[in-house]
Amino acid sequence: MVAECAAPLLGLGGLLLVSEPPEQRLRWPAVELNRLGLIVEPLDATPPQIAVLHQERLCPDRFPRRVGIPAKRPLWW
């Protein structure tokens, strides 16, 4: 939900930094991020982990979805 809400605010080449819990490794699936125009930048770090999401192309206008929809039907779990 964070990526879906933030992606439309990023310009081309923008970065989104997200704090990650150490036990979650594959939180950002590539296929779903691609729908938002984002890719995960590889990062070698120890906890606390930071995910770096890079705006590779502009986010489609259909995102973010209406209030409440991302919580009811997230793009991924």
PDB file of N, CA and C in Angstrom:
ATOM      1  N   MET A   1       0.813  -1.175   0.000  1.00  0.00           N
ATOM      2  CA  MET A   1       0.000   0.000   0.000  1.00  0.00           C
ATOM      3  C   MET A   1       0.871   1.258   0.000  1.00  0.00           C
ATOM      4  N   VAL A   2       2.012   1.199   0.647  1.00  0.00           N
ATOM      5  CA  VAL A   2       2.918   2.356   0.673  1.00  0.00           C
ATOM      6  C   VAL A   2       3.385   2.694  -0.737  1.00  0.00           C
ATOM      7  N   ALA A   3       3.808   1.672  -1.472  1.00  0.00           N
ATOM      8  CA  ALA A   3       4.308   1.906  -2.830  1.00  0.00           C
ATOM      9  C   ALA A   3       3.204   2.448  -3.733  1.00  0.00           C
ATOM     10  N   GLU A   4       1.989   1.924  -3.607  1.00  0.00           N
ATOM     11  CA  GLU A   4       0.883   2.374  -4.452  1.00  0.00           C
ATOM     12  C   GLU A   4       0.546   3.839  -4.186  1.00  0.00           C
ATOM     13  N   CYS A   5       0.581   4.248  -2.931  1.00  0.00           N
ATOM     14  CA  CYS A   5       0.255   5.634  -2.589  1.00  0.00           C
ATOM     15  C   CYS A   5       1.389   6.595  -2.944  1.00  0.00           C
ATOM     16  N   ALA A   6       2.627   6.133  -2.841  1.00  0.00           N
ATOM     17  CA  ALA A   6       3.773   7.012  -3.077  1.00  0.00           C
ATOM     18  C   ALA A   6       4.187   7.104  -4.539  1.00  0.00           C
ATOM     19  N   ALA A   7       3.996   6.055  -5.325  1.00  0.00           N
ATOM     20  CA  ALA A   7       4.462   6.033  -6.716  1.00  0.00           C
ATOM     21  C   ALA A   7       3.946   7.202  -7.544  1.00  0.00           C
ATOM     22  N   PRO A   8       2.671   7.592  -7.446  1.00  0.00           N
ATOM     23  CA  PRO A   8       2.201   8.726  -8.246  1.00  0.00           C
ATOM     24  C   PRO A   8       2.854  10.058  -7.858  1.00  0.00           C
ATOM     25  N   LEU A   9       3.439  10.142  -6.670  1.00  0.00           N
ATOM     26  CA  LEU A   9       4.074  11.373  -6.215  1.00  0.00           C
ATOM     27  C   LEU A   9       5.518  11.499  -6.686  1.00  0.00           C
ATOM     28  N   LEU A  10       6.104  10.396  -7.157  1.00  0.00           N
ATOM     29  CA  LEU A  10       7.501  10.396  -7.586  1.00  0.00           C
ATOM     30  C   LEU A  10       7.618  10.829  -9.039  1.00  0.00           C
ATOM     31  N   GLY A  11       8.664  11.574  -9.319  1.00  0.00           N
ATOM     32  CA  GLY A  11       8.992  11.895 -10.699  1.00  0.00           C
ATOM     33  C   GLY A  11       9.829  10.782 -11.281  1.00  0.00           C
ATOM     34  N   LEU A  12      10.045  10.823 -12.582  1.00  0.00           N
ATOM     35  CA  LEU A  12      10.879   9.843 -13.252  1.00  0.00           C
ATOM     36  C   LEU A  12      12.270   9.867 -12.636  1.00  0.00           C
ATOM     37  N   GLY A  13      12.772   8.724 -12.221  1.00  0.00           N
ATOM     38  CA  GLY A  13      14.071   8.633 -11.573  1.00  0.00           C
ATOM     39  C   GLY A  13      14.021   8.856 -10.078  1.00  0.00           C
ATOM     40  N   GLY A  14      12.833   9.131  -9.526  1.00  0.00           N
ATOM     41  CA  GLY A  14      12.694   9.366  -8.091  1.00  0.00           C
ATOM     42  C   GLY A  14      12.914   8.107  -7.284  1.00  0.00           C
ATOM     43  N   LEU A  15      13.211   8.288  -6.010  1.00  0.00           N
ATOM     44  CA  LEU A  15      13.459   7.166  -5.113  1.00  0.00           C
ATOM     45  C   LEU A  15      12.496   7.211  -3.942  1.00  0.00           C
ATOM     46  N   LEU A  16      12.037   6.045  -3.528  1.00  0.00           N
ATOM     47  CA  LEU A  16      11.221   5.890  -2.343  1.00  0.00           C
ATOM     48  C   LEU A  16      11.994   5.007  -1.382  1.00  0.00           C
ATOM     49  N   LEU A  17      12.289   5.504  -0.192  1.00  0.00           N
ATOM     50  CA  LEU A  17      13.000   4.743   0.825  1.00  0.00           C
ATOM     51  C   LEU A  17      11.987   4.277   1.861  1.00  0.00           C
ATOM     52  N   VAL A  18      11.965   2.967   2.098  1.00  0.00           N
ATOM     53  CA  VAL A  18      10.989   2.387   3.011  1.00  0.00           C
ATOM     54  C   VAL A  18      11.713   1.545   4.051  1.00  0.00           C
ATOM     55  N   SER A  19      11.428   1.801   5.316  1.00  0.00           N
ATOM     56  CA  SER A  19      11.996   0.998   6.395  1.00  0.00           C
ATOM     57  C   SER A  19      11.375  -0.390   6.361  1.00  0.00           C
ATOM     58  N   GLU A  20      12.210  -1.415   6.488  1.00  0.00           N
ATOM     59  CA  GLU A  20      11.761  -2.792   6.392  1.00  0.00           C
ATOM     60  C   GLU A  20      12.012  -3.545   7.693  1.00  0.00           C
ATOM     61  N   PRO A  21      11.061  -4.373   8.118  1.00  0.00           N
ATOM     62  CA  PRO A  21      11.350  -5.263   9.243  1.00  0.00           C
ATOM     63  C   PRO A  21      12.359  -6.314   8.799  1.00  0.00           C
ATOM     64  N   PRO A  22      13.301  -6.686   9.657  1.00  0.00           N
ATOM     65  CA  PRO A  22      14.374  -7.614   9.242  1.00  0.00           C
ATOM     66  C   PRO A  22      13.889  -8.987   8.805  1.00  0.00           C
ATOM     67  N   GLU A  23      12.753  -9.448   9.290  1.00  0.00           N
ATOM     68  CA  GLU A  23      12.300 -10.799   8.935  1.00  0.00           C
ATOM     69  C   GLU A  23      11.579 -10.871   7.594  1.00  0.00           C
ATOM     70  N   GLN A  24      11.260  -9.742   6.976  1.00  0.00           N
ATOM     71  CA  GLN A  24      10.579  -9.760   5.677  1.00  0.00           C
ATOM     72  C   GLN A  24      11.597  -9.510   4.576  1.00  0.00           C
ATOM     73  N   ARG A  25      11.838 -10.526   3.756  1.00  0.00           N
ATOM     74  CA  ARG A  25      12.853 -10.407   2.714  1.00  0.00           C
ATOM     75  C   ARG A  25      12.276 -10.090   1.335  1.00  0.00           C
ATOM     76  N   LEU A  26      11.203 -10.741   0.923  1.00  0.00           N
ATOM     77  CA  LEU A  26      10.660 -10.564  -0.419  1.00  0.00           C
ATOM     78  C   LEU A  26       9.342  -9.792  -0.362  1.00  0.00           C
ATOM     79  N   ARG A  27       9.383  -8.634   0.254  1.00  0.00           N
ATOM     80  CA  ARG A  27       8.177  -7.840   0.441  1.00  0.00           C
ATOM     81  C   ARG A  27       7.720  -7.158  -0.843  1.00  0.00           C
ATOM     82  N   TRP A  28       8.633  -6.889  -1.749  1.00  0.00           N
ATOM     83  CA  TRP A  28       8.336  -6.097  -2.944  1.00  0.00           C
ATOM     84  C   TRP A  28       8.436  -6.958  -4.201  1.00  0.00           C
ATOM     85  N   PRO A  29       7.365  -7.665  -4.591  1.00  0.00           N
ATOM     86  CA  PRO A  29       7.406  -8.503  -5.791  1.00  0.00           C
ATOM     87  C   PRO A  29       7.563  -7.657  -7.060  1.00  0.00           C
ATOM     88  N   ALA A  30       8.463  -8.067  -7.911  1.00  0.00           N
ATOM     89  CA  ALA A  30       8.824  -7.299  -9.108  1.00  0.00           C
ATOM     90  C   ALA A  30       7.642  -7.065 -10.053  1.00  0.00           C
ATOM     91  N   VAL A  31       6.801  -8.064 -10.266  1.00  0.00           N
ATOM     92  CA  VAL A  31       5.689  -7.928 -11.219  1.00  0.00           C
ATOM     93  C   VAL A  31       4.724  -6.836 -10.768  1.00  0.00           C
ATOM     94  N   GLU A  32       4.365  -6.836  -9.482  1.00  0.00           N
ATOM     95  CA  GLU A  32       3.428  -5.842  -8.986  1.00  0.00           C
ATOM     96  C   GLU A  32       4.048  -4.449  -8.947  1.00  0.00           C
ATOM     97  N   LEU A  33       5.325  -4.354  -8.580  1.00  0.00           N
ATOM     98  CA  LEU A  33       5.997  -3.055  -8.588  1.00  0.00           C
ATOM     99  C   LEU A  33       6.065  -2.486  -9.999  1.00  0.00           C
ATOM    100  N   ASN A  34       6.258  -3.361 -10.975  1.00  0.00           N
ATOM    101  CA  ASN A  34       6.326  -2.920 -12.369  1.00  0.00           C
ATOM    102  C   ASN A  34       5.028  -2.239 -12.803  1.00  0.00           C
ATOM    103  N   ARG A  35       3.891  -2.699 -12.271  1.00  0.00           N
ATOM    104  CA  ARG A  35       2.609  -2.063 -12.596  1.00  0.00           C
ATOM    105  C   ARG A  35       2.594  -0.603 -12.149  1.00  0.00           C
ATOM    106  N   LEU A  36       3.391  -0.277 -11.127  1.00  0.00           N
ATOM    107  CA  LEU A  36       3.470   1.084 -10.602  1.00  0.00           C
ATOM    108  C   LEU A  36       4.630   1.865 -11.210  1.00  0.00           C
ATOM    109  N   GLY A  37       5.408   1.213 -12.082  1.00  0.00           N
ATOM    110  CA  GLY A  37       6.564   1.863 -12.687  1.00  0.00           C
ATOM    111  C   GLY A  37       7.788   1.833 -11.802  1.00  0.00           C
ATOM    112  N   LEU A  38       7.781   1.007 -10.769  1.00  0.00           N
ATOM    113  CA  LEU A  38       8.882   0.943  -9.803  1.00  0.00           C
ATOM    114  C   LEU A  38       9.712  -0.317  -9.969  1.00  0.00           C
ATOM    115  N   ILE A  39      10.967  -0.232  -9.573  1.00  0.00           N
ATOM    116  CA  ILE A  39      11.840  -1.401  -9.453  1.00  0.00           C
ATOM    117  C   ILE A  39      12.548  -1.305  -8.111  1.00  0.00           C
ATOM    118  N   VAL A  40      12.971  -2.450  -7.569  1.00  0.00           N
ATOM    119  CA  VAL A  40      13.717  -2.478  -6.312  1.00  0.00           C
ATOM    120  C   VAL A  40      15.197  -2.357  -6.635  1.00  0.00           C
ATOM    121  N   GLU A  41      15.848  -1.403  -6.002  1.00  0.00           N
ATOM    122  CA  GLU A  41      17.296  -1.255  -6.158  1.00  0.00           C
ATOM    123  C   GLU A  41      17.978  -2.251  -5.228  1.00  0.00           C
ATOM    124  N   PRO A  42      18.963  -3.003  -5.701  1.00  0.00           N
ATOM    125  CA  PRO A  42      19.686  -3.917  -4.809  1.00  0.00           C
ATOM    126  C   PRO A  42      20.439  -3.116  -3.753  1.00  0.00           C
ATOM    127  N   LEU A  43      20.436  -3.622  -2.538  1.00  0.00           N
ATOM    128  CA  LEU A  43      21.056  -2.917  -1.432  1.00  0.00           C
ATOM    129  C   LEU A  43      21.652  -3.927  -0.478  1.00  0.00           C
ATOM    130  N   ASP A  44      22.934  -3.802  -0.201  1.00  0.00           N
ATOM    131  CA  ASP A  44      23.584  -4.657   0.789  1.00  0.00           C
ATOM    132  C   ASP A  44      23.597  -3.909   2.107  1.00  0.00           C
ATOM    133  N   ALA A  45      22.744  -4.345   3.015  1.00  0.00           N
ATOM    134  CA  ALA A  45      22.661  -3.674   4.306  1.00  0.00           C
ATOM    135  C   ALA A  45      22.302  -4.684   5.386  1.00  0.00           C
ATOM    136  N   THR A  46      22.621  -4.333   6.586  1.00  0.00           N
ATOM    137  CA  THR A  46      22.232  -5.147   7.720  1.00  0.00           C
ATOM    138  C   THR A  46      21.086  -4.441   8.432  1.00  0.00           C
ATOM    139  N   PRO A  47      20.344  -5.157   9.263  1.00  0.00           N
ATOM    140  CA  PRO A  47      19.213  -4.510   9.946  1.00  0.00           C
ATOM    141  C   PRO A  47      19.653  -3.266  10.698  1.00  0.00           C
ATOM    142  N   PRO A  48      18.870  -2.211  10.761  1.00  0.00           N
ATOM    143  CA  PRO A  48      17.555  -2.131  10.131  1.00  0.00           C
ATOM    144  C   PRO A  48      17.686  -1.978   8.623  1.00  0.00           C
ATOM    145  N   GLN A  49      16.871  -2.698   7.914  1.00  0.00           N
ATOM    146  CA  GLN A  49      16.896  -2.745   6.452  1.00  0.00           C
ATOM    147  C   GLN A  49      16.092  -1.592   5.859  1.00  0.00           C
ATOM    148  N   ILE A  50      16.570  -1.057   4.765  1.00  0.00           N
ATOM    149  CA  ILE A  50      15.875  -0.022   4.015  1.00  0.00           C
ATOM    150  C   ILE A  50      15.673  -0.551   2.596  1.00  0.00           C
ATOM    151  N   ALA A  51      14.440  -0.499   2.104  1.00  0.00           N
ATOM    152  CA  ALA A  51      14.173  -0.849   0.713  1.00  0.00           C
ATOM    153  C   ALA A  51      14.243   0.428  -0.104  1.00  0.00           C
ATOM    154  N   VAL A  52      14.930   0.373  -1.243  1.00  0.00           N
ATOM    155  CA  VAL A  52      15.019   1.514  -2.150  1.00  0.00           C
ATOM    156  C   VAL A  52      14.245   1.164  -3.407  1.00  0.00           C
ATOM    157  N   LEU A  53      13.134   1.869  -3.625  1.00  0.00           N
ATOM    158  CA  LEU A  53      12.299   1.652  -4.800  1.00  0.00           C
ATOM    159  C   LEU A  53      12.540   2.806  -5.757  1.00  0.00           C
ATOM    160  N   HIS A  54      12.901   2.482  -6.975  1.00  0.00           N
ATOM    161  CA  HIS A  54      13.297   3.464  -7.984  1.00  0.00           C
ATOM    162  C   HIS A  54      12.185   3.608  -9.019  1.00  0.00           C
ATOM    163  N   GLN A  55      11.764   4.835  -9.300  1.00  0.00           N
ATOM    164  CA  GLN A  55      10.711   5.093 -10.298  1.00  0.00           C
ATOM    165  C   GLN A  55      11.342   5.023 -11.680  1.00  0.00           C
ATOM    166  N   GLU A  56      11.229   3.872 -12.316  1.00  0.00           N
ATOM    167  CA  GLU A  56      11.834   3.607 -13.616  1.00  0.00           C
ATOM    168  C   GLU A  56      11.032   4.254 -14.752  1.00  0.00           C
ATOM    169  N   ARG A  57       9.716   4.279 -14.597  1.00  0.00           N
ATOM    170  CA  ARG A  57       8.828   4.944 -15.552  1.00  0.00           C
ATOM    171  C   ARG A  57       7.678   5.529 -14.745  1.00  0.00           C
ATOM    172  N   LEU A  58       6.958   6.459 -15.331  1.00  0.00           N
ATOM    173  CA  LEU A  58       5.885   7.121 -14.602  1.00  0.00           C
ATOM    174  C   LEU A  58       4.772   6.148 -14.231  1.00  0.00           C
ATOM    175  N   CYS A  59       4.201   6.367 -13.075  1.00  0.00           N
ATOM    176  CA  CYS A  59       3.110   5.542 -12.574  1.00  0.00           C
ATOM    177  C   CYS A  59       1.850   5.813 -13.402  1.00  0.00           C
ATOM    178  N   PRO A  60       1.093   4.776 -13.760  1.00  0.00           N
ATOM    179  CA  PRO A  60      -0.149   4.993 -14.499  1.00  0.00           C
ATOM    180  C   PRO A  60      -1.134   5.859 -13.709  1.00  0.00           C
ATOM    181  N   ASP A  61      -1.977   6.580 -14.418  1.00  0.00           N
ATOM    182  CA  ASP A  61      -2.943   7.485 -13.798  1.00  0.00           C
ATOM    183  C   ASP A  61      -3.975   6.772 -12.933  1.00  0.00           C
ATOM    184  N   ARG A  62      -4.157   5.483 -13.113  1.00  0.00           N
ATOM    185  CA  ARG A  62      -5.169   4.767 -12.331  1.00  0.00           C
ATOM    186  C   ARG A  62      -4.740   4.548 -10.877  1.00  0.00           C
ATOM    187  N   PHE A  63      -3.512   4.882 -10.535  1.00  0.00           N
ATOM    188  CA  PHE A  63      -3.013   4.766  -9.163  1.00  0.00           C
ATOM    189  C   PHE A  63      -2.778   6.145  -8.578  1.00  0.00           C
ATOM    190  N   PRO A  64      -2.991   6.351  -7.293  1.00  0.00           N
ATOM    191  CA  PRO A  64      -3.537   5.393  -6.345  1.00  0.00           C
ATOM    192  C   PRO A  64      -5.029   5.212  -6.567  1.00  0.00           C
ATOM    193  N   ARG A  65      -5.506   4.048  -6.151  1.00  0.00           N
ATOM    194  CA  ARG A  65      -6.932   3.769  -6.281  1.00  0.00           C
ATOM    195  C   ARG A  65      -7.725   4.528  -5.218  1.00  0.00           C
ATOM    196  N   ARG A  66      -9.044   4.507  -5.316  1.00  0.00           N
ATOM    197  CA  ARG A  66      -9.904   5.233  -4.380  1.00  0.00           C
ATOM    198  C   ARG A  66      -9.621   4.842  -2.932  1.00  0.00           C
ATOM    199  N   VAL A  67      -9.960   5.733  -2.032  1.00  0.00           N
ATOM    200  CA  VAL A  67      -9.774   5.501  -0.595  1.00  0.00           C
ATOM    201  C   VAL A  67     -10.434   4.186  -0.193  1.00  0.00           C
ATOM    202  N   GLY A  68      -9.695   3.370   0.536  1.00  0.00           N
ATOM    203  CA  GLY A  68     -10.205   2.101   1.038  1.00  0.00           C
ATOM    204  C   GLY A  68      -9.949   0.912   0.137  1.00  0.00           C
ATOM    205  N   ILE A  69      -9.823   1.123  -1.158  1.00  0.00           N
ATOM    206  CA  ILE A  69      -9.620   0.008  -2.090  1.00  0.00           C
ATOM    207  C   ILE A  69      -8.264  -0.674  -1.880  1.00  0.00           C
ATOM    208  N   PRO A  70      -7.156   0.066  -1.716  1.00  0.00           N
ATOM    209  CA  PRO A  70      -5.883  -0.625  -1.487  1.00  0.00           C
ATOM    210  C   PRO A  70      -5.896  -1.518  -0.243  1.00  0.00           C
ATOM    211  N   ALA A  71      -6.586  -1.100   0.799  1.00  0.00           N
ATOM    212  CA  ALA A  71      -6.657  -1.916   2.009  1.00  0.00           C
ATOM    213  C   ALA A  71      -7.521  -3.158   1.789  1.00  0.00           C
ATOM    214  N   LYS A  72      -8.610  -3.013   1.040  1.00  0.00           N
ATOM    215  CA  LYS A  72      -9.501  -4.152   0.786  1.00  0.00           C
ATOM    216  C   LYS A  72      -8.929  -5.116  -0.239  1.00  0.00           C
ATOM    217  N   ARG A  73      -8.285  -4.568  -1.277  1.00  0.00           N
ATOM    218  CA  ARG A  73      -7.726  -5.381  -2.362  1.00  0.00           C
ATOM    219  C   ARG A  73      -6.304  -4.946  -2.660  1.00  0.00           C
ATOM    220  N   PRO A  74      -5.342  -5.310  -1.795  1.00  0.00           N
ATOM    221  CA  PRO A  74      -3.959  -4.891  -2.038  1.00  0.00           C
ATOM    222  C   PRO A  74      -3.395  -5.499  -3.310  1.00  0.00           C
ATOM    223  N   LEU A  75      -2.420  -4.834  -3.894  1.00  0.00           N
ATOM    224  CA  LEU A  75      -1.780  -5.361  -5.110  1.00  0.00           C
ATOM    225  C   LEU A  75      -1.017  -6.635  -4.821  1.00  0.00           C
ATOM    226  N   TRP A  76      -0.517  -6.771  -3.605  1.00  0.00           N
ATOM    227  CA  TRP A  76       0.189  -7.987  -3.186  1.00  0.00           C
ATOM    228  C   TRP A  76       0.123  -8.084  -1.670  1.00  0.00           C
ATOM    229  N   TRP A  77       0.439  -9.288  -1.159  1.00  0.00           N
ATOM    230  CA  TRP A  77       0.420  -9.533   0.289  1.00  0.00           C
ATOM    231  C   TRP A  77       1.782  -9.525   0.824  1.00  0.00           C
TER     232      TRP A  77
END
